[in-house]
C-alpha atoms as a PDB file:
ATOM      1  CA  MET A   1     181.145-161.447 150.287  1.00  0.00           C
ATOM      2  CA  ASN A   2     179.955-160.227 147.185  1.00  0.00           C
ATOM      3  CA  ILE A   3     178.774-156.330 147.559  1.00  0.00           C
ATOM      4  CA  LEU A   4     176.553-154.350 144.966  1.00  0.00           C
ATOM      5  CA  LEU A   5     177.118-150.706 145.617  1.00  0.00           C
ATOM      6  CA  VAL A   6     174.598-148.310 143.836  1.00  0.00           C
ATOM      7  CA  ASN A   7     174.061-144.818 143.360  1.00  0.00           C
ATOM      8  CA  SER A   8     172.033-143.305 140.789  1.00  0.00           C
ATOM      9  CA  ALA A   9     173.740-139.947 140.975  1.00  0.00           C
ATOM     10  CA  ALA A  10     173.260-137.481 137.902  1.00  0.00           C
ATOM     11  CA  PRO A  11     176.171-138.290 135.020  1.00  0.00           C
ATOM     12  CA  GLU A  12     177.425-134.626 136.200  1.00  0.00           C
ATOM     13  CA  LEU A  13     177.043-134.813 139.749  1.00  0.00           C
ATOM     14  CA  TRP A  14     180.527-135.535 141.860  1.00  0.00           C
ATOM     15  CA  GLY A  15     180.325-134.465 145.629  1.00  0.00           C
ATOM     16  CA  GLY A  16     181.205-136.210 148.851  1.00  0.00           C
ATOM     17  CA  GLY A  17     178.784-139.030 148.354  1.00  0.00           C
ATOM     18  CA  GLU A  18     179.886-140.365 145.106  1.00  0.00           C
ATOM     19  CA  LYS A  19     183.586-140.120 146.340  1.00  0.00           C
ATOM     20  CA  TRP A  20     182.576-142.136 149.199  1.00  0.00           C
ATOM     21  CA  PHE A  21     181.126-145.019 146.949  1.00  0.00           C
ATOM     22  CA  VAL A  22     184.442-145.070 145.148  1.00  0.00           C
ATOM     23  CA  ASN A  23     186.488-144.986 148.473  1.00  0.00           C
ATOM     24  CA  ALA A  24     184.280-147.731 150.248  1.00  0.00           C
ATOM     25  CA  ALA A  25     184.296-149.894 146.943  1.00  0.00           C
ATOM     26  CA  GLN A  26     188.326-149.995 146.791  1.00  0.00           C
ATOM     27  CA  TRP A  27     188.240-150.652 150.648  1.00  0.00           C
ATOM     28  CA  PHE A  28     185.899-153.719 150.450  1.00  0.00           C
ATOM     29  CA  ASN A  29     188.208-154.900 147.728  1.00  0.00           C
ATOM     30  CA  SER A  30     191.207-154.496 149.860  1.00  0.00           C
ATOM     31  CA  GLN A  31     189.624-156.674 152.605  1.00  0.00           C
ATOM     32  CA  SER A  32     189.106-159.691 149.828  1.00  0.00           C
ATOM     33  CA  HIS A  33     185.593-158.813 149.097  1.00  0.00           C
ATOM     34  CA  SER A  34     184.024-158.837 145.494  1.00  0.00           C
ATOM     35  CA  VAL A  35     182.755-155.582 144.933  1.00  0.00           C
ATOM     36  CA  THR A  36     180.376-154.255 141.699  1.00  0.00           C
ATOM     37  CA  LEU A  37     179.436-150.478 141.381  1.00  0.00           C
ATOM     38  CA  VAL A  38     176.268-149.565 139.626  1.00  0.00           C
ATOM     39  CA  ALA A  39     176.130-145.871 138.184  1.00  0.00           C
ATOM     40  CA  ARG A  40     174.394-144.244 135.734  1.00  0.00           C
ATOM     41  CA  PRO A  41     176.118-144.470 131.841  1.00  0.00           C
ATOM     42  CA  LYS A  42     178.710-142.042 131.073  1.00  0.00           C
ATOM     43  CA  SER A  43     178.569-140.393 134.684  1.00  0.00           C
ATOM     44  CA  LYS A  44     181.318-138.804 136.256  1.00  0.00           C
ATOM     45  CA  LEU A  45     181.318-141.799 139.243  1.00  0.00           C
ATOM     46  CA  GLN A  46     181.361-144.551 136.549  1.00  0.00           C
ATOM     47  CA  SER A  47     184.200-142.716 134.754  1.00  0.00           C
ATOM     48  CA  ARG A  48     186.068-142.529 138.243  1.00  0.00           C
ATOM     49  CA  ALA A  49     185.172-146.096 139.148  1.00  0.00           C
ATOM     50  CA  GLU A  50     186.553-147.252 135.820  1.00  0.00           C
ATOM     51  CA  GLU A  51     189.632-145.255 136.384  1.00  0.00           C
ATOM     52  CA  LEU A  52     190.503-147.136 139.607  1.00  0.00           C
ATOM     53  CA  ASN A  53     189.710-150.135 137.497  1.00  0.00           C
ATOM     54  CA  LEU A  54     186.503-151.019 139.648  1.00  0.00           C
ATOM     55  CA  ASP A  55     183.859-153.446 138.380  1.00  0.00           C
ATOM     56  CA  THR A  56     181.072-151.250 137.260  1.00  0.00           C
ATOM     57  CA  ILE A  57     177.614-152.113 135.688  1.00  0.00           C
ATOM     58  CA  PRO A  58     176.251-148.717 133.857  1.00  0.00           C
ATOM     59  CA  CYS A  59     172.399-148.786 134.685  1.00  0.00           C
ATOM     60  CA  LYS A  60     169.472-146.825 133.546  1.00  0.00           C
ATOM     61  CA  PHE A  61     167.152-145.587 136.296  1.00  0.00           C
ATOM     62  CA  GLY A  62     163.530-144.688 135.866  1.00  0.00           C
ATOM     63  CA  GLY A  63     160.904-142.990 138.012  1.00  0.00           C
ATOM     64  CA  ASP A  64     161.033-144.182 141.629  1.00  0.00           C
ATOM     65  CA  PHE A  65     158.086-146.815 140.909  1.00  0.00           C
ATOM     66  CA  ASP A  66     159.205-147.757 137.367  1.00  0.00           C
ATOM     67  CA  PRO A  67     158.387-151.523 137.008  1.00  0.00           C
ATOM     68  CA  LEU A  68     161.085-151.953 134.208  1.00  0.00           C
ATOM     69  CA  ALA A  69     163.769-150.294 136.034  1.00  0.00           C
ATOM     70  CA  MET A  70     162.678-152.934 138.878  1.00  0.00           C
ATOM     71  CA  LEU A  71     163.202-155.502 136.425  1.00  0.00           C
ATOM     72  CA  ARG A  72     166.544-154.284 135.433  1.00  0.00           C
ATOM     73  CA  ALA A  73     167.752-153.842 139.009  1.00  0.00           C
ATOM     74  CA  ARG A  74     166.895-157.560 139.551  1.00  0.00           C
ATOM     75  CA  GLU A  75     168.927-158.502 136.564  1.00  0.00           C
ATOM     76  CA  VAL A  76     171.555-156.479 137.810  1.00  0.00           C
ATOM     77  CA  ILE A  77     171.350-157.772 141.064  1.00  0.00           C
ATOM     78  CA  ARG A  78     171.582-161.871 139.360  1.00  0.00           C
ATOM     79  CA  ALA A  79     174.449-160.932 137.066  1.00  0.00           C
ATOM     80  CA  SER A  80     176.707-159.614 139.677  1.00  0.00           C
ATOM     81  CA  ARG A  81     175.728-162.294 142.097  1.00  0.00           C
ATOM     82  CA  ALA A  82     175.502-160.111 144.938  1.00  0.00           C
ATOM     83  CA  GLN A  83     174.942-161.265 148.521  1.00  0.00           C
ATOM     84  CA  VAL A  84     173.974-157.734 149.819  1.00  0.00           C
ATOM     85  CA  VAL A  85     173.233-154.647 148.326  1.00  0.00           C
ATOM     86  CA  LEU A  86     174.125-150.829 149.829  1.00  0.00           C
ATOM     87  CA  THR A  87     172.298-147.956 147.893  1.00  0.00           C
ATOM     88  CA  ASN A  88     172.514-144.161 148.401  1.00  0.00           C
ATOM     89  CA  PHE A  89     169.458-142.533 146.880  1.00  0.00           C
ATOM     90  CA  ASN A  90     165.840-143.389 147.460  1.00  0.00           C
ATOM     91  CA  LYS A  91     165.401-144.134 143.290  1.00  0.00           C
ATOM     92  CA  GLU A  92     167.393-146.821 143.837  1.00  0.00           C
ATOM     93  CA  SER A  93     166.536-147.751 146.953  1.00  0.00           C
ATOM     94  CA  TRP A  94     163.223-148.573 145.444  1.00  0.00           C
ATOM     95  CA  HIS A  95     164.324-149.927 142.323  1.00  0.00           C
ATOM     96  CA  PHE A  96     166.993-152.372 143.962  1.00  0.00           C
ATOM     97  CA  GLY A  97     164.851-152.666 147.339  1.00  0.00           C
ATOM     98  CA  VAL A  98     161.845-154.140 145.665  1.00  0.00           C
ATOM     99  CA  ALA A  99     164.359-156.207 143.094  1.00  0.00           C
ATOM    100  CA  ALA A 100     165.967-157.904 146.073  1.00  0.00           C
ATOM    101  CA  ARG A 101     162.964-158.643 148.070  1.00  0.00           C
ATOM    102  CA  THR A 102     161.915-161.001 145.220  1.00  0.00           C
ATOM    103  CA  LEU A 103     165.072-162.470 145.402  1.00  0.00           C
ATOM    104  CA  LYS A 104     165.380-162.565 149.327  1.00  0.00           C
ATOM    105  CA  ILE A 105     168.729-160.590 149.014  1.00  0.00           C
ATOM    106  CA  PRO A 106     169.215-157.668 151.840  1.00  0.00           C
ATOM    107  CA  LEU A 107     169.481-154.063 151.439  1.00  0.00           C
ATOM    108  CA  VAL A 108     171.283-151.662 153.221  1.00  0.00           C
ATOM    109  CA  ALA A 109     170.567-147.887 152.246  1.00  0.00           C
ATOM    110  CA  ARG A 110     173.128-145.294 153.337  1.00  0.00           C
ATOM    111  CA  HIS A 111     171.912-141.174 153.950  1.00  0.00           C
ATOM    112  CA  GLY A 112     174.744-138.825 153.770  1.00  0.00           C
ATOM    113  CA  PHE A 113     172.121-136.171 154.303  1.00  0.00           C
ATOM    114  CA  THR A 114     168.383-135.936 154.555  1.00  0.00           C
ATOM    115  CA  LEU A 115     166.244-138.066 152.359  1.00  0.00           C
ATOM    116  CA  TRP A 116     163.088-138.876 154.162  1.00  0.00           C
ATOM    117  CA  SER A 117     160.008-137.026 154.954  1.00  0.00           C
ATOM    118  CA  LYS A 118     156.591-137.110 156.309  1.00  0.00           C
ATOM    119  CA  LYS A 119     155.290-138.575 152.851  1.00  0.00           C
ATOM    120  CA  PHE A 120     153.743-141.957 152.964  1.00  0.00           C
ATOM    121  CA  ARG A 121     156.121-143.203 150.486  1.00  0.00           C
ATOM    122  CA  HIS A 122     159.228-142.530 152.758  1.00  0.00           C
ATOM    123  CA  LYS A 123     157.741-144.739 155.445  1.00  0.00           C
ATOM    124  CA  LEU A 124     157.023-147.498 153.090  1.00  0.00           C
ATOM    125  CA  LEU A 125     160.497-147.230 151.991  1.00  0.00           C
ATOM    126  CA  ALA A 126     161.669-147.020 155.714  1.00  0.00           C
ATOM    127  CA  GLU A 127     159.602-149.562 157.037  1.00  0.00           C
ATOM    128  CA  LYS A 128     158.943-152.133 154.230  1.00  0.00           C
ATOM    129  CA  ILE A 129     161.545-152.017 151.971  1.00  0.00           C
ATOM    130  CA  ILE A 130     165.034-151.696 153.131  1.00  0.00           C
ATOM    131  CA  THR A 131     166.634-153.816 155.538  1.00  0.00           C
ATOM    132  CA  LYS A 132     168.564-151.673 157.503  1.00  0.00           C
ATOM    133  CA  LEU A 133     169.405-147.769 157.561  1.00  0.00           C
ATOM    134  CA  ILE A 134     172.983-146.294 157.963  1.00  0.00           C
ATOM    135  CA  VAL A 135     172.891-142.676 158.587  1.00  0.00           C
ATOM    136  CA  ASN A 136     176.446-140.493 158.973  1.00  0.00           C
ATOM    137  CA  ALA A 137     174.679-138.024 161.444  1.00  0.00           C
ATOM    138  CA  GLU A 138     173.103-137.956 164.674  1.00  0.00           C
ATOM    139  CA  SER A 139     170.915-135.185 163.662  1.00  0.00           C
ATOM    140  CA  ILE A 140     169.587-137.072 160.567  1.00  0.00           C
ATOM    141  CA  ARG A 141     168.670-140.252 162.929  1.00  0.00           C
ATOM    142  CA  ASP A 142     167.041-137.899 165.467  1.00  0.00           C
ATOM    143  CA  TYR A 143     164.728-135.972 162.354  1.00  0.00           C
ATOM    144  CA  TYR A 144     163.632-138.963 160.823  1.00  0.00           C
ATOM    145  CA  LEU A 145     162.574-140.453 164.698  1.00  0.00           C
ATOM    146  CA  SER A 146     160.532-137.111 164.931  1.00  0.00           C
ATOM    147  CA  LEU A 147     158.638-137.741 162.152  1.00  0.00           C
ATOM    148  CA  GLY A 148     157.487-141.067 163.117  1.00  0.00           C
ATOM    149  CA  LEU A 149     159.783-143.096 160.870  1.00  0.00           C
ATOM    150  CA  SER A 150     160.846-146.541 162.186  1.00  0.00           C
ATOM    151  CA  PRO A 151     162.982-148.035 160.294  1.00  0.00           C
ATOM    152  CA  ARG A 152     163.509-151.648 160.963  1.00  0.00           C
ATOM    153  CA  GLU A 153     167.028-150.781 162.209  1.00  0.00           C
ATOM    154  CA  MET A 154     169.001-147.761 161.735  1.00  0.00           C
ATOM    155  CA  VAL A 155     172.519-147.185 162.745  1.00  0.00           C
ATOM    156  CA  VAL A 156     174.707-144.151 163.074  1.00  0.00           C
ATOM    157  CA  ILE A 157     178.104-144.278 161.407  1.00  0.00           C
ATOM    158  CA  PRO A 158     179.675-141.094 160.620  1.00  0.00           C
ATOM    159  CA  ASN A 159     182.178-140.676 157.716  1.00  0.00           C
ATOM    160  CA  GLY A 160     185.966-141.210 158.173  1.00  0.00           C
ATOM    161  CA  VAL A 161     188.819-139.824 156.204  1.00  0.00           C
ATOM    162  CA  ASP A 162     192.122-140.900 154.962  1.00  0.00           C
ATOM    163  CA  VAL A 163     195.345-139.218 155.770  1.00  0.00           C
ATOM    164  CA  ALA A 164     196.205-137.421 152.345  1.00  0.00           C
ATOM    165  CA  GLN A 165     199.811-136.806 151.701  1.00  0.00           C
ATOM    166  CA  GLN A 166     200.098-133.101 151.819  1.00  0.00           C
ATOM    167  CA  ARG A 167     201.749-131.288 148.721  1.00  0.00           C
ATOM    168  CA  GLY A 168     202.771-128.279 151.008  1.00  0.00           C
ATOM    169  CA  GLY A 169     203.107-125.002 149.224  1.00  0.00           C
ATOM    170  CA  GLU A 170     201.508-126.026 146.009  1.00  0.00           C
ATOM    171  CA  LEU A 171     198.028-124.232 146.599  1.00  0.00           C
ATOM    172  CA  ARG A 172     199.550-121.195 147.545  1.00  0.00           C
ATOM    173  CA  LYS A 173     202.040-121.356 144.533  1.00  0.00           C
ATOM    174  CA  GLN A 174     198.785-121.798 142.043  1.00  0.00           C
ATOM    175  CA  LEU A 175     197.204-118.588 143.558  1.00  0.00           C
ATOM    176  CA  GLU A 176     200.281-116.740 143.671  1.00  0.00           C
ATOM    177  CA  MET A 177     200.234-115.932 147.248  1.00  0.00           C
ATOM    178  CA  ASN A 178     202.851-115.481 149.711  1.00  0.00           C
ATOM    179  CA  GLU A 179     202.714-116.855 153.527  1.00  0.00           C
ATOM    180  CA  SER A 180     201.823-113.769 155.298  1.00  0.00           C
ATOM    181  CA  THR A 181     198.420-113.405 153.239  1.00  0.00           C
ATOM    182  CA  LEU A 182     195.692-115.446 155.257  1.00  0.00           C
ATOM    183  CA  LEU A 183     194.509-118.332 153.074  1.00  0.00           C
ATOM    184  CA  LEU A 184     190.685-119.349 153.474  1.00  0.00           C
ATOM    185  CA  VAL A 185     189.109-122.276 151.876  1.00  0.00           C
ATOM    186  CA  ALA A 186     185.847-124.027 151.013  1.00  0.00           C
ATOM    187  CA  ALA A 187     184.862-126.882 149.527  1.00  0.00           C
ATOM    188  CA  GLY A 188     181.585-128.711 148.423  1.00  0.00           C
ATOM    189  CA  ARG A 189     178.784-128.855 145.474  1.00  0.00           C
ATOM    190  CA  LEU A 190     177.963-125.164 144.099  1.00  0.00           C
ATOM    191  CA  GLU A 191     174.003-125.705 145.298  1.00  0.00           C
ATOM    192  CA  SER A 192     171.842-123.505 147.374  1.00  0.00           C
ATOM    193  CA  GLN A 193     171.887-125.871 150.655  1.00  0.00           C
ATOM    194  CA  LYS A 194     175.925-125.016 150.683  1.00  0.00           C
ATOM    195  CA  ARG A 195     175.064-121.248 150.927  1.00  0.00           C
ATOM    196  CA  PHE A 196     178.287-120.333 149.252  1.00  0.00           C
ATOM    197  CA  ASP A 197     176.400-116.930 148.605  1.00  0.00           C
ATOM    198  CA  ARG A 198     176.650-116.236 152.206  1.00  0.00           C
ATOM    199  CA  LEU A 199     180.161-117.104 152.480  1.00  0.00           C
ATOM    200  CA  LEU A 200     180.673-114.099 149.480  1.00  0.00           C
ATOM    201  CA  ASN A 201     178.789-111.920 151.511  1.00  0.00           C
ATOM    202  CA  ILE A 202     181.048-112.453 154.584  1.00  0.00           C
ATOM    203  CA  ALA A 203     184.278-112.102 152.539  1.00  0.00           C
ATOM    204  CA  ALA A 204     182.637-108.826 151.225  1.00  0.00           C
ATOM    205  CA  GLN A 205     182.277-107.897 154.950  1.00  0.00           C
ATOM    206  CA  SER A 206     185.784-108.470 155.608  1.00  0.00           C
ATOM    207  CA  LYS A 207     187.979-107.291 152.636  1.00  0.00           C
ATOM    208  CA  HIS A 208     188.800-103.908 154.172  1.00  0.00           C
ATOM    209  CA  GLU A 209     189.548-105.786 157.881  1.00  0.00           C
ATOM    210  CA  PHE A 210     192.006-108.163 156.978  1.00  0.00           C
ATOM    211  CA  GLU A 211     194.074-108.977 153.981  1.00  0.00           C
ATOM    212  CA  PHE A 212     192.904-112.645 152.886  1.00  0.00           C
ATOM    213  CA  LYS A 213     192.469-114.843 149.435  1.00  0.00           C
ATOM    214  CA  LEU A 214     189.895-117.581 149.525  1.00  0.00           C
ATOM    215  CA  ALA A 215     189.798-120.261 147.316  1.00  0.00           C
ATOM    216  CA  ILE A 216     186.408-122.137 146.612  1.00  0.00           C
ATOM    217  CA  PHE A 217     186.768-125.666 145.155  1.00  0.00           C
ATOM    218  CA  GLY A 218     183.991-127.366 143.559  1.00  0.00           C
ATOM    219  CA  ALA A 219     181.250-127.332 140.700  1.00  0.00           C
ATOM    220  CA  GLY A 220     177.527-127.368 140.582  1.00  0.00           C
ATOM    221  CA  PRO A 221     174.446-125.567 139.168  1.00  0.00           C
ATOM    222  CA  ASP A 222     175.044-122.324 141.198  1.00  0.00           C
ATOM    223  CA  GLU A 223     178.623-121.861 139.767  1.00  0.00           C
ATOM    224  CA  GLN A 224     177.664-118.957 137.263  1.00  0.00           C
ATOM    225  CA  ASP A 225     175.656-117.119 139.732  1.00  0.00           C
ATOM    226  CA  LEU A 226     178.031-117.429 142.454  1.00  0.00           C
ATOM    227  CA  GLN A 227     180.612-115.851 139.886  1.00  0.00           C
ATOM    228  CA  GLU A 228     178.646-112.855 139.010  1.00  0.00           C
ATOM    229  CA  GLN A 229     177.422-112.382 142.790  1.00  0.00           C
ATOM    230  CA  CYS A 230     181.599-112.095 143.031  1.00  0.00           C
ATOM    231  CA  ARG A 231     181.970-109.575 140.822  1.00  0.00           C
ATOM    232  CA  ARG A 232     179.170-107.315 142.228  1.00  0.00           C
ATOM    233  CA  LEU A 233     180.625-107.171 145.589  1.00  0.00           C
ATOM    234  CA  GLY A 234     184.301-106.774 144.152  1.00  0.00           C
ATOM    235  CA  LEU A 235     185.795-109.768 145.198  1.00  0.00           C
ATOM    236  CA  GLU A 236     187.338-110.789 141.854  1.00  0.00           C
ATOM    237  CA  LYS A 237     190.658-110.442 143.355  1.00  0.00           C
ATOM    238  CA  LEU A 238     190.484-111.823 146.358  1.00  0.00           C
ATOM    239  CA  VAL A 239     188.358-115.338 145.485  1.00  0.00           C
ATOM    240  CA  SER A 240     189.405-117.945 143.501  1.00  0.00           C
ATOM    241  CA  PHE A 241     186.901-120.406 142.169  1.00  0.00           C
ATOM    242  CA  ARG A 242     188.896-123.811 141.522  1.00  0.00           C
ATOM    243  CA  GLY A 243     186.330-126.021 140.036  1.00  0.00           C
ATOM    244  CA  PHE A 244     186.532-129.804 140.930  1.00  0.00           C
ATOM    245  CA  ASP A 245     190.016-130.957 142.050  1.00  0.00           C
ATOM    246  CA  PRO A 246     190.598-134.493 142.950  1.00  0.00           C
ATOM    247  CA  ASN A 247     193.387-133.222 144.738  1.00  0.00           C
ATOM    248  CA  PHE A 248     191.816-131.198 147.068  1.00  0.00           C
ATOM    249  CA  ALA A 249     192.969-133.155 149.889  1.00  0.00           C
ATOM    250  CA  HIS A 250     196.687-133.261 149.154  1.00  0.00           C
ATOM    251  CA  VAL A 251     196.559-129.105 148.805  1.00  0.00           C
ATOM    252  CA  VAL A 252     194.176-127.966 151.453  1.00  0.00           C
ATOM    253  CA  GLY A 253     196.589-127.969 154.251  1.00  0.00           C
ATOM    254  CA  ASP A 254     198.020-124.826 152.748  1.00  0.00           C
ATOM    255  CA  ALA A 255     195.023-122.791 154.169  1.00  0.00           C
ATOM    256  CA  ASP A 256     194.864-121.183 157.106  1.00  0.00           C
ATOM    257  CA  LEU A 257     191.356-121.588 157.970  1.00  0.00           C
ATOM    258  CA  PHE A 258     188.293-123.804 156.335  1.00  0.00           C
ATOM    259  CA  LEU A 259     185.092-121.960 156.165  1.00  0.00           C
ATOM    260  CA  LEU A 260     181.472-123.961 156.249  1.00  0.00           C
ATOM    261  CA  THR A 261     178.528-122.023 156.171  1.00  0.00           C
ATOM    262  CA  SER A 262     175.765-124.390 154.740  1.00  0.00           C
ATOM    263  CA  ASP A 263     172.036-124.244 155.926  1.00  0.00           C
ATOM    264  CA  GLU A 264     172.214-128.173 155.759  1.00  0.00           C
ATOM    265  CA  GLU A 265     174.937-131.111 156.166  1.00  0.00           C
ATOM    266  CA  GLY A 266     175.425-134.361 157.655  1.00  0.00           C
ATOM    267  CA  ALA A 267     178.974-135.094 158.102  1.00  0.00           C
ATOM    268  CA  PRO A 268     180.849-133.165 155.288  1.00  0.00           C
ATOM    269  CA  ASN A 269     183.840-135.193 154.079  1.00  0.00           C
ATOM    270  CA  VAL A 270     185.672-131.665 153.101  1.00  0.00           C
ATOM    271  CA  VAL A 271     185.776-130.754 156.824  1.00  0.00           C
ATOM    272  CA  LEU A 272     187.208-134.069 158.005  1.00  0.00           C
ATOM    273  CA  GLU A 273     189.995-133.953 154.753  1.00  0.00           C
ATOM    274  CA  ALA A 274     190.821-130.323 155.988  1.00  0.00           C
ATOM    275  CA  MET A 275     191.222-131.463 159.497  1.00  0.00           C
ATOM    276  CA  SER A 276     193.078-134.259 158.948  1.00  0.00           C
ATOM    277  CA  ALA A 277     195.586-132.196 156.829  1.00  0.00           C
ATOM    278  CA  GLY A 278     195.900-129.924 159.936  1.00  0.00           C
ATOM    279  CA  VAL A 279     193.458-126.673 159.014  1.00  0.00           C
ATOM    280  CA  PRO A 280     191.274-125.526 161.531  1.00  0.00           C
ATOM    281  CA  VAL A 281     187.529-125.440 160.644  1.00  0.00           C
ATOM    282  CA  LEU A 282     185.421-122.808 161.505  1.00  0.00           C
ATOM    283  CA  GLY A 283     181.804-123.572 160.569  1.00  0.00           C
ATOM    284  CA  PHE A 284     177.597-123.323 161.315  1.00  0.00           C
ATOM    285  CA  ASN A 285     176.211-125.961 163.804  1.00  0.00           C
ATOM    286  CA  VAL A 286     174.617-127.959 160.977  1.00  0.00           C
ATOM    287  CA  GLY A 287     174.325-131.698 160.710  1.00  0.00           C
ATOM    288  CA  SER A 288     177.043-133.322 162.752  1.00  0.00           C
ATOM    289  CA  MET A 289     179.007-130.493 162.993  1.00  0.00           C
ATOM    290  CA  SER A 290     178.368-130.597 167.021  1.00  0.00           C
ATOM    291  CA  ASN A 291     180.136-134.039 166.978  1.00  0.00           C
ATOM    292  CA  ILE A 292     183.174-133.059 164.797  1.00  0.00           C
ATOM    293  CA  LEU A 293     183.764-129.804 166.646  1.00  0.00           C
ATOM    294  CA  ALA A 294     183.008-130.768 170.111  1.00  0.00           C
ATOM    295  CA  GLY A 295     184.872-130.373 173.155  1.00  0.00           C
ATOM    296  CA  GLU A 296     188.171-128.116 172.873  1.00  0.00           C
ATOM    297  CA  LEU A 297     187.009-127.146 169.365  1.00  0.00           C
ATOM    298  CA  ALA A 298     183.648-125.903 170.197  1.00  0.00           C
ATOM    299  CA  PRO A 299     185.031-122.362 169.977  1.00  0.00           C
ATOM    300  CA  PHE A 300     184.868-122.719 166.203  1.00  0.00           C
ATOM    301  CA  LEU A 301     181.225-123.717 166.278  1.00  0.00           C
ATOM    302  CA  ILE A 302     178.646-120.987 165.395  1.00  0.00           C
ATOM    303  CA  GLU A 303     175.097-120.968 165.680  1.00  0.00           C
ATOM    304  CA  ALA A 304     173.477-121.864 162.612  1.00  0.00           C
ATOM    305  CA  LYS A 305     173.080-118.972 159.922  1.00  0.00           C
ATOM    306  CA  ASN A 306     174.228-116.569 162.287  1.00  0.00           C
ATOM    307  CA  GLU A 307     176.433-114.309 160.045  1.00  0.00           C
ATOM    308  CA  GLN A 308     177.299-111.916 162.109  1.00  0.00           C
ATOM    309  CA  VAL A 309     178.395-113.803 165.135  1.00  0.00           C
ATOM    310  CA  PHE A 310     180.401-115.871 162.211  1.00  0.00           C
ATOM    311  CA  HIS A 311     182.082-112.713 160.331  1.00  0.00           C
ATOM    312  CA  LYS A 312     182.919-111.441 164.269  1.00  0.00           C
ATOM    313  CA  ARG A 313     184.666-114.839 164.950  1.00  0.00           C
ATOM    314  CA  LEU A 314     186.606-115.098 161.627  1.00  0.00           C
ATOM    315  CA  ARG A 315     187.705-111.229 162.204  1.00  0.00           C
ATOM    316  CA  GLU A 316     189.004-112.437 165.523  1.00  0.00           C
ATOM    317  CA  LEU A 317     190.912-115.584 164.033  1.00  0.00           C
ATOM    318  CA  ALA A 318     192.606-113.436 161.278  1.00  0.00           C
ATOM    319  CA  GLY A 319     193.815-111.047 163.698  1.00  0.00           C
ATOM    320  CA  ASP A 320     195.614-113.482 165.909  1.00  0.00           C
ATOM    321  CA  ARG A 321     197.275-115.864 163.254  1.00  0.00           C
ATOM    322  CA  ALA A 322     199.857-117.503 166.032  1.00  0.00           C
ATOM    323  CA  THR A 323     196.798-118.675 168.022  1.00  0.00           C
ATOM    324  CA  LEU A 324     195.081-119.779 164.793  1.00  0.00           C
ATOM    325  CA  LYS A 325     198.281-121.689 164.000  1.00  0.00           C
ATOM    326  CA  SER A 326     198.496-122.844 167.272  1.00  0.00           C
ATOM    327  CA  TRP A 327     195.017-125.181 166.830  1.00  0.00           C
ATOM    328  CA  ARG A 328     196.530-126.754 163.532  1.00  0.00           C
ATOM    329  CA  ALA A 329     197.586-130.097 165.828  1.00  0.00           C
ATOM    330  CA  LYS A 330     194.310-130.255 167.760  1.00  0.00           C
ATOM    331  CA  PHE A 331     192.230-130.342 164.796  1.00  0.00           C
ATOM    332  CA  GLN A 332     194.522-132.585 163.119  1.00  0.00           C
ATOM    333  CA  ASN A 333     194.323-135.145 165.978  1.00  0.00           C
ATOM    334  CA  ARG A 334     190.482-134.941 166.363  1.00  0.00           C
ATOM    335  CA  ALA A 335     190.229-136.036 162.659  1.00  0.00           C
ATOM    336  CA  ARG A 336     192.905-138.856 162.633  1.00  0.00           C
ATOM    337  CA  ASP A 337     191.759-140.421 166.244  1.00  0.00           C
ATOM    338  CA  GLU A 338     188.013-139.988 165.943  1.00  0.00           C
ATOM    339  CA  PHE A 339     186.967-139.964 162.241  1.00  0.00           C
ATOM    340  CA  SER A 340     189.242-142.235 160.784  1.00  0.00           C
ATOM    341  CA  PHE A 341     188.260-143.888 157.560  1.00  0.00           C
ATOM    342  CA  GLU A 342     189.469-147.546 158.243  1.00  0.00           C
ATOM    343  CA  SER A 343     187.428-147.466 161.242  1.00  0.00           C
ATOM    344  CA  SER A 344     184.247-146.096 159.587  1.00  0.00           C
ATOM    345  CA  MET A 345     184.602-148.908 157.122  1.00  0.00           C
ATOM    346  CA  ARG A 346     184.808-151.602 159.702  1.00  0.00           C
ATOM    347  CA  GLN A 347     181.516-150.390 161.094  1.00  0.00           C
ATOM    348  CA  TYR A 348     180.137-150.785 157.783  1.00  0.00           C
ATOM    349  CA  LEU A 349     181.448-154.282 157.165  1.00  0.00           C
ATOM    350  CA  ASP A 350     179.623-155.415 160.606  1.00  0.00           C
ATOM    351  CA  VAL A 351     176.493-153.809 159.000  1.00  0.00           C
ATOM    352  CA  LEU A 352     176.608-155.717 155.634  1.00  0.00           C
ATOM    353  CA  THR A 353     177.815-158.741 157.645  1.00  0.00           C
ATOM    354  CA  SER A 354     174.976-158.892 160.010  1.00  0.00           C
ATOM    355  CA  VAL A 355     172.478-158.778 157.408  1.00  0.00           C
ATOM    356  CA  LEU A 356     173.115-161.775 155.600  1.00  0.00           C
ATOM    357  CA  PRO A 357     170.798-164.337 155.781  1.00  0.00           C
ATOM    358  CA  SER A 358     173.633-166.992 157.428  1.00  0.00           C
ATOM    359  CA  ALA A 359     174.780-164.252 159.879  1.00  0.00           C
END
């Protein structure tokens, strides 16, 4: 099967969605499918894909309804000999969706977070342009249905994660900290919906209660503001901004606890990467977190936006390191047993196969 993966992420953007597209391309190739990845010229996504020797096509994206962009998309589809197209954002779903329809080729859209509202253009995209929609969280599906959006077909496929070999001790060495100090980790794009400002406020409340170091992985438009907030709160010696680190999944196992304080999420890859390394996760009940932290892990799930309860639970966990350590195997088993990358990609392959005209 010839698969065209399209992601119009801005040149400087590298997040969970972009990482997923690269990993997905590698997996499809490993299953003897032919994959071409379309990205903006000179983008981080294009660079990373080329580093991994993936077939790539740089493509300029215009406005959502740009007819020239749709013509360019049509030429890309033809040049790649694609039998099916998988998109990420609404922009490429319009460009490549319209182009694919003229060529009678199916297009599947993947939403890693909420992209649609009550706007007419979203209803048109959902019901007339795309062939099938994949969302990575039941909460996204339920929200779309609550808006009256009725894609021709919509399925939920949770994100999956590969088990990364850990480099034990590397992160603590980089941070110049010993084993007796609690290591807290957070990760994600430094932007408003991730609410790292909230995380810093909680850290400020905790600095006189227990000894810790907080490592924040990621880059984004809010980085400078967050660093300034860190200085105002007197956290310079306790918080380390690590930037984007492609080795995050290999070093996160040093952490004692991963913290998620977002307002919105789909199914956060960084949470699953931390869990697969045996790191317990304390997070707000947003997106698919209620599915990830279900059952016996529910004590680590906090009511959305309730900073007071989050802080209290963090203080409790910090005060009983032995009990916190005893949770590591349970978190690791949940990630590896229920959120494996292999299982997730098998479901994607089934969906792409099902929409082929010959299927």
